[in-house]
Amino acid sequence: MHNTVTLANDWISVGTGFGTDLKGLIFNVGIPVLCGVFVLVVGFRTKAPGPTIMAVLFAGIVWGLSASMGTTIKSTTTDTITHYDGSTVRTGDQ
């Protein structure tokens, strides 16, 4: 029986780094690009100012909500990873 969790800690740190990079790519690049594409598609398909303005407003709302969600996801993920990194020993049925 091994008394160390070094291997598990290494894999958890790799997973944490990958998750952080992926989250940053999605929130900083993916969502803004998709919002811009949404506005362009609505603008070119309708060729009317009303739907295009509404598309801009909806894209801004989605972008803003995703930006504010990033910190919430980061803190939740950090708490979960810290719980399973081997530093806290749980006994019983927990």
C-alpha atoms as a PDB file:
ATOM      1  CA  MET A   1       0.000   0.000   0.000  1.00  0.00           C
ATOM      2  CA  HIS A   2       1.413   3.379  -1.020  1.00  0.00           C
ATOM      3  CA  ASN A   3       1.394   6.192   1.494  1.00  0.00           C
ATOM      4  CA  THR A   4       1.868   9.022  -0.996  1.00  0.00           C
ATOM      5  CA  VAL A   5      -0.443  10.686  -3.492  1.00  0.00           C
ATOM      6  CA  THR A   6       2.277  12.270  -5.612  1.00  0.00           C
ATOM      7  CA  LEU A   7       1.103  10.665  -8.847  1.00  0.00           C
ATOM      8  CA  ALA A   8      -2.483  11.725  -8.227  1.00  0.00           C
ATOM      9  CA  ASN A   9      -1.374  15.253  -7.400  1.00  0.00           C
ATOM     10  CA  ASP A  10       0.609  15.450 -10.640  1.00  0.00           C
ATOM     11  CA  TRP A  11      -2.371  14.347 -12.713  1.00  0.00           C
ATOM     12  CA  ILE A  12      -4.659  16.732 -10.867  1.00  0.00           C
ATOM     13  CA  SER A  13      -2.295  19.641 -11.560  1.00  0.00           C
ATOM     14  CA  VAL A  14      -2.135  18.673 -15.254  1.00  0.00           C
ATOM     15  CA  GLY A  15      -5.938  18.509 -15.374  1.00  0.00           C
ATOM     16  CA  THR A  16      -6.237  21.826 -13.575  1.00  0.00           C
ATOM     17  CA  GLY A  17      -3.832  23.501 -16.012  1.00  0.00           C
ATOM     18  CA  PHE A  18      -5.625  22.045 -19.030  1.00  0.00           C
ATOM     19  CA  GLY A  19      -9.009  23.069 -17.658  1.00  0.00           C
ATOM     20  CA  THR A  20      -7.806  26.596 -16.971  1.00  0.00           C
ATOM     21  CA  ASP A  21      -6.382  26.936 -20.487  1.00  0.00           C
ATOM     22  CA  LEU A  22      -9.526  25.539 -22.086  1.00  0.00           C
ATOM     23  CA  LYS A  23     -11.783  27.768 -19.989  1.00  0.00           C
ATOM     24  CA  GLY A  24      -9.720  30.809 -20.914  1.00  0.00           C
ATOM     25  CA  LEU A  25      -9.875  29.921 -24.600  1.00  0.00           C
ATOM     26  CA  ILE A  26     -13.636  29.440 -24.510  1.00  0.00           C
ATOM     27  CA  PHE A  27     -14.428  32.562 -22.473  1.00  0.00           C
ATOM     28  CA  ASN A  28     -11.862  34.906 -24.075  1.00  0.00           C
ATOM     29  CA  VAL A  29     -12.039  33.752 -27.701  1.00  0.00           C
ATOM     30  CA  GLY A  30     -14.884  31.325 -28.393  1.00  0.00           C
ATOM     31  CA  ILE A  31     -17.855  33.171 -26.940  1.00  0.00           C
ATOM     32  CA  PRO A  32     -16.897  36.634 -28.298  1.00  0.00           C
ATOM     33  CA  VAL A  33     -16.320  35.173 -31.775  1.00  0.00           C
ATOM     34  CA  LEU A  34     -19.658  33.357 -31.704  1.00  0.00           C
ATOM     35  CA  CYS A  35     -21.413  36.539 -30.547  1.00  0.00           C
ATOM     36  CA  GLY A  36     -19.852  38.447 -33.454  1.00  0.00           C
ATOM     37  CA  VAL A  37     -20.837  35.740 -35.931  1.00  0.00           C
ATOM     38  CA  PHE A  38     -24.387  35.800 -34.557  1.00  0.00           C
ATOM     39  CA  VAL A  39     -24.658  39.558 -35.075  1.00  0.00           C
ATOM     40  CA  LEU A  40     -23.199  39.356 -38.603  1.00  0.00           C
ATOM     41  CA  VAL A  41     -25.488  36.511 -39.653  1.00  0.00           C
ATOM     42  CA  VAL A  42     -28.591  38.263 -38.344  1.00  0.00           C
ATOM     43  CA  GLY A  43     -27.516  41.524 -39.972  1.00  0.00           C
ATOM     44  CA  PHE A  44     -26.855  40.023 -43.395  1.00  0.00           C
ATOM     45  CA  ARG A  45     -29.878  37.709 -43.367  1.00  0.00           C
ATOM     46  CA  THR A  46     -32.457  40.313 -42.328  1.00  0.00           C
ATOM     47  CA  LYS A  47     -30.848  43.501 -43.719  1.00  0.00           C
ATOM     48  CA  ALA A  48     -32.981  45.420 -41.224  1.00  0.00           C
ATOM     49  CA  PRO A  49     -31.798  47.594 -38.351  1.00  0.00           C
ATOM     50  CA  GLY A  50     -34.309  46.340 -35.748  1.00  0.00           C
ATOM     51  CA  PRO A  51     -33.313  42.663 -35.654  1.00  0.00           C
ATOM     52  CA  THR A  52     -29.640  43.573 -35.952  1.00  0.00           C
ATOM     53  CA  ILE A  53     -29.851  45.899 -32.953  1.00  0.00           C
ATOM     54  CA  MET A  54     -31.638  43.177 -30.971  1.00  0.00           C
ATOM     55  CA  ALA A  55     -28.925  40.699 -32.009  1.00  0.00           C
ATOM     56  CA  VAL A  56     -26.276  43.108 -30.728  1.00  0.00           C
ATOM     57  CA  LEU A  57     -28.131  43.465 -27.416  1.00  0.00           C
ATOM     58  CA  PHE A  58     -28.573  39.699 -27.013  1.00  0.00           C
ATOM     59  CA  ALA A  59     -24.929  39.057 -27.929  1.00  0.00           C
ATOM     60  CA  GLY A  60     -23.855  41.658 -25.351  1.00  0.00           C
ATOM     61  CA  ILE A  61     -25.987  39.998 -22.692  1.00  0.00           C
ATOM     62  CA  VAL A  62     -24.565  36.544 -23.468  1.00  0.00           C
ATOM     63  CA  TRP A  63     -21.008  37.891 -23.530  1.00  0.00           C
ATOM     64  CA  GLY A  64     -21.497  39.744 -20.240  1.00  0.00           C
ATOM     65  CA  LEU A  65     -23.059  36.763 -18.486  1.00  0.00           C
ATOM     66  CA  SER A  66     -20.285  34.468 -19.676  1.00  0.00           C
ATOM     67  CA  ALA A  67     -17.652  36.940 -18.465  1.00  0.00           C
ATOM     68  CA  SER A  68     -19.218  37.109 -15.006  1.00  0.00           C
ATOM     69  CA  MET A  69     -19.593  33.327 -14.917  1.00  0.00           C
ATOM     70  CA  GLY A  70     -15.847  32.780 -15.368  1.00  0.00           C
ATOM     71  CA  THR A  71     -14.942  33.717 -11.799  1.00  0.00           C
ATOM     72  CA  THR A  72     -17.761  31.575 -10.377  1.00  0.00           C
ATOM     73  CA  ILE A  73     -16.618  28.521 -12.319  1.00  0.00           C
ATOM     74  CA  LYS A  74     -12.999  29.142 -11.319  1.00  0.00           C
ATOM     75  CA  SER A  75     -13.755  29.246  -7.600  1.00  0.00           C
ATOM     76  CA  THR A  76     -16.042  26.193  -7.758  1.00  0.00           C
ATOM     77  CA  THR A  77     -13.484  24.167  -9.719  1.00  0.00           C
ATOM     78  CA  THR A  78     -10.681  25.218  -7.376  1.00  0.00           C
ATOM     79  CA  ASP A  79     -12.707  24.117  -4.348  1.00  0.00           C
ATOM     80  CA  THR A  80     -13.445  20.749  -5.956  1.00  0.00           C
ATOM     81  CA  ILE A  81      -9.829  20.119  -6.970  1.00  0.00           C
ATOM     82  CA  THR A  82      -8.576  21.136  -3.516  1.00  0.00           C
ATOM     83  CA  HIS A  83     -11.047  18.719  -1.923  1.00  0.00           C
ATOM     84  CA  TYR A  84      -9.605  15.784  -3.904  1.00  0.00           C
ATOM     85  CA  ASP A  85      -5.893  16.613  -3.905  1.00  0.00           C
ATOM     86  CA  GLY A  86      -5.159  14.349  -0.938  1.00  0.00           C
ATOM     87  CA  SER A  87      -4.619  17.124   1.597  1.00  0.00           C
ATOM     88  CA  THR A  88      -7.953  16.427   3.296  1.00  0.00           C
ATOM     89  CA  VAL A  89      -8.449  12.952   4.682  1.00  0.00           C
ATOM     90  CA  ARG A  90     -12.091  11.966   4.996  1.00  0.00           C
ATOM     91  CA  THR A  91     -13.181   9.009   7.057  1.00  0.00           C
ATOM     92  CA  GLY A  92     -16.436   7.114   7.111  1.00  0.00           C
ATOM     93  CA  ASP A  93     -19.106   7.390   4.439  1.00  0.00           C
ATOM     94  CA  GLN A  94     -18.336  10.930   3.289  1.00  0.00           C
END
